N, C-alpha and C. Protein backbone atom coordinates (compact mmCIF):
# COMPACT_ATOMS: atom_id res chain seq x y z
N UNK A 1 0.83 -1.21 0.00
CA UNK A 1 0.00 0.00 0.00
C UNK A 1 0.86 1.26 0.00
N UNK A 2 1.95 1.22 0.74
CA UNK A 2 2.79 2.41 0.82
C UNK A 2 3.39 2.77 -0.53
N UNK A 3 3.79 1.76 -1.30
CA UNK A 3 4.39 2.04 -2.60
C UNK A 3 3.37 2.71 -3.53
N UNK A 4 2.12 2.24 -3.50
CA UNK A 4 1.07 2.87 -4.31
C UNK A 4 0.84 4.31 -3.87
N UNK A 5 0.81 4.53 -2.56
CA UNK A 5 0.60 5.88 -2.04
C UNK A 5 1.73 6.81 -2.47
N UNK A 6 2.96 6.34 -2.39
CA UNK A 6 4.09 7.17 -2.80
C UNK A 6 4.05 7.46 -4.29
N UNK A 7 3.74 6.45 -5.10
CA UNK A 7 3.65 6.63 -6.55
C UNK A 7 2.58 7.67 -6.89
N UNK A 8 1.39 7.55 -6.30
CA UNK A 8 0.32 8.48 -6.61
C UNK A 8 0.52 9.86 -6.00
N UNK A 9 1.30 9.94 -4.93
CA UNK A 9 1.69 11.25 -4.40
C UNK A 9 2.43 12.03 -5.48
N UNK A 10 3.44 11.39 -6.07
CA UNK A 10 4.19 12.04 -7.15
C UNK A 10 3.32 12.38 -8.34
N UNK A 11 2.43 11.46 -8.71
CA UNK A 11 1.57 11.69 -9.88
C UNK A 11 0.63 12.86 -9.64
N UNK A 12 -0.03 12.91 -8.49
CA UNK A 12 -0.96 14.01 -8.22
C UNK A 12 -0.23 15.35 -8.13
N UNK A 13 0.94 15.38 -7.49
CA UNK A 13 1.66 16.64 -7.39
C UNK A 13 2.15 17.11 -8.76
N UNK A 14 2.60 16.18 -9.58
CA UNK A 14 3.03 16.54 -10.94
C UNK A 14 1.85 17.08 -11.75
N UNK A 15 0.70 16.42 -11.65
CA UNK A 15 -0.46 16.83 -12.46
C UNK A 15 -1.07 18.14 -11.98
N UNK A 16 -0.78 18.56 -10.77
CA UNK A 16 -1.28 19.85 -10.29
C UNK A 16 -0.64 21.01 -11.07
N UNK A 17 0.60 20.82 -11.49
CA UNK A 17 1.36 21.93 -12.10
C UNK A 17 0.75 22.46 -13.39
N UNK A 18 0.47 21.63 -14.39
CA UNK A 18 -0.05 22.21 -15.64
C UNK A 18 -1.43 22.84 -15.48
N UNK A 19 -2.27 22.23 -14.63
CA UNK A 19 -3.61 22.80 -14.44
C UNK A 19 -3.55 24.14 -13.73
N UNK A 20 -2.73 24.24 -12.70
CA UNK A 20 -2.60 25.52 -12.00
C UNK A 20 -1.93 26.56 -12.89
N UNK A 21 -0.89 26.16 -13.62
CA UNK A 21 -0.19 27.11 -14.49
C UNK A 21 -1.14 27.68 -15.54
N UNK A 22 -1.91 26.82 -16.19
CA UNK A 22 -2.84 27.30 -17.22
C UNK A 22 -3.95 28.14 -16.59
N UNK A 23 -4.55 27.62 -15.54
CA UNK A 23 -5.68 28.32 -14.93
C UNK A 23 -5.31 29.68 -14.36
N UNK A 24 -4.16 29.77 -13.71
CA UNK A 24 -3.74 31.04 -13.11
C UNK A 24 -3.35 32.07 -14.17
N UNK A 25 -3.07 31.62 -15.39
CA UNK A 25 -2.81 32.53 -16.51
C UNK A 25 -4.07 32.88 -17.26
N UNK A 26 -5.20 32.30 -16.84
CA UNK A 26 -6.46 32.56 -17.51
C UNK A 26 -6.61 31.79 -18.81
N UNK A 27 -5.83 30.73 -18.97
CA UNK A 27 -5.86 29.96 -20.21
C UNK A 27 -6.69 28.69 -20.07
N UNK A 28 -7.26 28.27 -21.18
CA UNK A 28 -8.00 27.00 -21.23
C UNK A 28 -6.99 25.87 -21.40
N UNK A 29 -7.33 24.70 -20.84
CA UNK A 29 -6.43 23.56 -20.88
C UNK A 29 -7.27 22.30 -20.71
N UNK A 30 -6.86 21.18 -21.31
CA UNK A 30 -7.66 19.95 -21.20
C UNK A 30 -7.76 19.44 -19.76
N UNK A 31 -8.94 18.96 -19.42
CA UNK A 31 -9.17 18.25 -18.16
C UNK A 31 -9.97 17.00 -18.49
N UNK A 32 -10.12 16.09 -17.54
CA UNK A 32 -10.96 14.92 -17.76
C UNK A 32 -12.43 15.28 -17.97
N UNK A 33 -12.82 16.50 -17.65
CA UNK A 33 -14.22 16.92 -17.76
C UNK A 33 -14.55 17.52 -19.13
N UNK A 34 -13.53 17.75 -19.95
CA UNK A 34 -13.73 18.36 -21.27
C UNK A 34 -14.28 17.32 -22.25
N UNK A 35 -14.85 17.80 -23.34
CA UNK A 35 -15.33 16.93 -24.41
C UNK A 35 -14.57 17.27 -25.67
N UNK A 36 -13.91 16.37 -26.35
CA UNK A 36 -13.68 15.00 -25.92
C UNK A 36 -12.74 14.95 -24.72
N UNK A 37 -12.94 13.94 -23.90
CA UNK A 37 -12.23 13.79 -22.62
C UNK A 37 -10.71 13.83 -22.82
N UNK A 38 -10.05 14.73 -22.09
CA UNK A 38 -8.60 14.83 -22.14
C UNK A 38 -8.05 15.51 -23.37
N UNK A 39 -8.92 15.91 -24.30
CA UNK A 39 -8.47 16.57 -25.52
C UNK A 39 -9.09 17.95 -25.62
N UNK A 40 -10.42 18.03 -25.38
CA UNK A 40 -11.09 19.32 -25.38
C UNK A 40 -10.59 20.18 -24.23
N UNK A 41 -10.82 21.46 -24.34
CA UNK A 41 -10.32 22.38 -23.32
C UNK A 41 -11.39 22.77 -22.32
N UNK A 42 -10.96 22.90 -21.06
CA UNK A 42 -11.83 23.38 -19.99
C UNK A 42 -11.45 24.80 -19.64
N UNK A 43 -12.33 25.48 -18.95
CA UNK A 43 -12.10 26.88 -18.59
C UNK A 43 -10.93 27.01 -17.62
N UNK A 44 -10.43 28.23 -17.52
CA UNK A 44 -9.35 28.52 -16.58
C UNK A 44 -9.79 28.24 -15.15
N UNK A 45 -11.03 28.60 -14.82
CA UNK A 45 -11.53 28.37 -13.46
C UNK A 45 -11.55 26.88 -13.14
N UNK A 46 -12.03 26.07 -14.07
CA UNK A 46 -12.07 24.63 -13.84
C UNK A 46 -10.65 24.07 -13.71
N UNK A 47 -9.70 24.62 -14.43
CA UNK A 47 -8.32 24.18 -14.30
C UNK A 47 -7.72 24.55 -12.96
N UNK A 48 -8.04 25.71 -12.44
CA UNK A 48 -7.56 26.07 -11.10
C UNK A 48 -8.16 25.10 -10.07
N UNK A 49 -9.45 24.80 -10.21
CA UNK A 49 -10.08 23.85 -9.29
C UNK A 49 -9.44 22.47 -9.42
N UNK A 50 -9.21 22.02 -10.63
CA UNK A 50 -8.58 20.72 -10.86
C UNK A 50 -7.16 20.71 -10.29
N UNK A 51 -6.42 21.78 -10.50
CA UNK A 51 -5.06 21.87 -9.98
C UNK A 51 -5.04 21.83 -8.47
N UNK A 52 -5.96 22.55 -7.82
CA UNK A 52 -6.00 22.54 -6.37
C UNK A 52 -6.44 21.18 -5.83
N UNK A 53 -7.35 20.51 -6.53
CA UNK A 53 -7.74 19.16 -6.13
C UNK A 53 -6.52 18.24 -6.17
N UNK A 54 -5.77 18.29 -7.27
CA UNK A 54 -4.57 17.45 -7.38
C UNK A 54 -3.54 17.80 -6.31
N UNK A 55 -3.33 19.08 -6.07
CA UNK A 55 -2.38 19.53 -5.07
C UNK A 55 -2.79 19.05 -3.68
N UNK A 56 -4.05 19.25 -3.32
CA UNK A 56 -4.51 18.84 -1.98
C UNK A 56 -4.49 17.32 -1.83
N UNK A 57 -4.83 16.59 -2.89
CA UNK A 57 -4.78 15.13 -2.82
C UNK A 57 -3.33 14.66 -2.65
N UNK A 58 -2.42 15.23 -3.41
CA UNK A 58 -1.01 14.87 -3.27
C UNK A 58 -0.47 15.20 -1.89
N UNK A 59 -0.86 16.36 -1.35
CA UNK A 59 -0.40 16.73 -0.01
C UNK A 59 -1.03 15.85 1.06
N UNK A 60 -2.29 15.45 0.87
CA UNK A 60 -2.94 14.54 1.83
C UNK A 60 -2.21 13.19 1.84
N UNK A 61 -1.87 12.68 0.66
CA UNK A 61 -1.11 11.43 0.59
C UNK A 61 0.26 11.59 1.23
N UNK A 62 0.88 12.72 0.99
CA UNK A 62 2.20 12.99 1.56
C UNK A 62 2.15 13.10 3.09
N UNK A 63 1.05 13.63 3.60
CA UNK A 63 0.88 13.73 5.06
C UNK A 63 0.65 12.35 5.66
N UNK A 64 -0.17 11.54 4.99
CA UNK A 64 -0.48 10.20 5.50
C UNK A 64 0.72 9.26 5.39
N UNK A 65 1.48 9.37 4.30
CA UNK A 65 2.66 8.54 4.08
C UNK A 65 3.84 9.45 3.76
N UNK A 66 4.46 10.04 4.79
CA UNK A 66 5.55 11.00 4.56
C UNK A 66 6.74 10.38 3.82
N UNK A 67 7.39 11.23 3.04
CA UNK A 67 8.57 10.84 2.29
C UNK A 67 9.67 11.85 2.57
N UNK A 68 10.84 11.35 2.92
CA UNK A 68 11.99 12.22 3.12
C UNK A 68 12.81 12.24 1.83
N UNK A 69 13.11 13.43 1.30
CA UNK A 69 13.96 13.47 0.11
C UNK A 69 15.33 12.85 0.41
N UNK A 70 15.81 12.11 -0.51
CA UNK A 70 17.11 11.46 -0.35
C UNK A 70 17.14 10.17 -1.13
N UNK A 71 18.17 9.42 -0.92
CA UNK A 71 18.34 8.16 -1.64
C UNK A 71 17.62 7.06 -0.84
N UNK A 72 16.29 7.04 -1.00
CA UNK A 72 15.47 6.02 -0.33
C UNK A 72 14.50 5.44 -1.35
N UNK A 73 14.03 4.25 -1.07
CA UNK A 73 13.07 3.61 -1.96
C UNK A 73 11.79 4.43 -2.05
N UNK A 74 11.31 4.94 -0.91
CA UNK A 74 10.06 5.71 -0.90
C UNK A 74 10.17 6.96 -1.75
N UNK A 75 11.27 7.69 -1.63
CA UNK A 75 11.45 8.89 -2.43
C UNK A 75 11.59 8.53 -3.92
N UNK A 76 12.28 7.45 -4.21
CA UNK A 76 12.42 7.01 -5.59
C UNK A 76 11.07 6.67 -6.22
N UNK A 77 10.21 6.01 -5.46
CA UNK A 77 8.88 5.66 -5.97
C UNK A 77 8.05 6.92 -6.19
N UNK A 78 8.17 7.90 -5.31
CA UNK A 78 7.44 9.16 -5.46
C UNK A 78 7.91 9.89 -6.72
N UNK A 79 9.20 9.96 -6.92
CA UNK A 79 9.76 10.60 -8.12
C UNK A 79 9.34 9.82 -9.36
N UNK A 80 9.33 8.50 -9.28
CA UNK A 80 8.90 7.67 -10.40
C UNK A 80 7.45 7.97 -10.77
N UNK A 81 6.58 8.16 -9.78
CA UNK A 81 5.18 8.51 -10.05
C UNK A 81 5.07 9.83 -10.80
N UNK A 82 5.84 10.82 -10.35
CA UNK A 82 5.81 12.13 -11.03
C UNK A 82 6.38 12.02 -12.44
N UNK A 83 7.47 11.29 -12.59
CA UNK A 83 8.10 11.14 -13.90
C UNK A 83 7.21 10.36 -14.86
N UNK A 84 6.61 9.28 -14.37
CA UNK A 84 5.75 8.46 -15.23
C UNK A 84 4.57 9.26 -15.75
N UNK A 85 3.90 9.98 -14.87
CA UNK A 85 2.77 10.78 -15.33
C UNK A 85 3.23 11.92 -16.22
N UNK A 86 4.34 12.55 -15.87
CA UNK A 86 4.87 13.64 -16.69
C UNK A 86 5.20 13.19 -18.10
N UNK A 87 5.84 12.04 -18.23
CA UNK A 87 6.17 11.52 -19.57
C UNK A 87 4.92 11.13 -20.34
N UNK A 88 3.96 10.51 -19.66
CA UNK A 88 2.71 10.14 -20.33
C UNK A 88 2.00 11.39 -20.85
N UNK A 89 1.88 12.41 -20.00
CA UNK A 89 1.18 13.63 -20.41
C UNK A 89 1.93 14.36 -21.53
N UNK A 90 3.25 14.35 -21.48
CA UNK A 90 4.03 14.99 -22.55
C UNK A 90 3.74 14.33 -23.89
N UNK A 91 3.70 13.01 -23.91
CA UNK A 91 3.41 12.29 -25.16
C UNK A 91 1.97 12.52 -25.59
N UNK A 92 1.04 12.49 -24.63
CA UNK A 92 -0.38 12.68 -24.93
C UNK A 92 -0.62 14.05 -25.55
N UNK A 93 -0.10 15.09 -24.94
CA UNK A 93 -0.35 16.45 -25.43
C UNK A 93 0.47 16.76 -26.67
N UNK A 94 1.60 16.10 -26.88
CA UNK A 94 2.37 16.31 -28.10
C UNK A 94 1.59 15.84 -29.33
N UNK A 95 0.78 14.80 -29.17
CA UNK A 95 -0.04 14.30 -30.29
C UNK A 95 -1.08 15.32 -30.74
N UNK A 96 -1.56 16.12 -29.79
CA UNK A 96 -2.63 17.07 -30.06
C UNK A 96 -2.15 18.51 -30.17
N UNK A 97 -0.83 18.71 -30.13
CA UNK A 97 -0.29 20.05 -30.14
C UNK A 97 -0.39 20.67 -31.53
N UNK A 98 -0.59 21.96 -31.56
CA UNK A 98 -0.59 22.71 -32.81
C UNK A 98 0.86 23.04 -33.13
N UNK A 99 1.34 22.72 -34.33
CA UNK A 99 2.74 23.01 -34.68
C UNK A 99 3.03 24.50 -34.60
N UNK A 100 4.21 24.82 -34.11
CA UNK A 100 4.60 26.23 -33.97
C UNK A 100 5.12 26.80 -35.26
């Protein structure tokens, strides 16, 4: 159970960043609530709410299963959760990105 908690701590904290960044800039960004799901864009307000949900969930997991930064298995699993979700989202959004 602890490994899952650490993995999802990293994933939720990582996923809070793009939603908060977009929402706080007043920009639309995909959320699971958009149509089509994960591709369509949601409002800036919904992104701020989604970002805060992810942030609070990640912090709640971190409070329940604390992780000390350093060379430990728990910290490695937390970083792996953030990296795994970050890489998945980078590939997902690259497919739908408008060329510059």
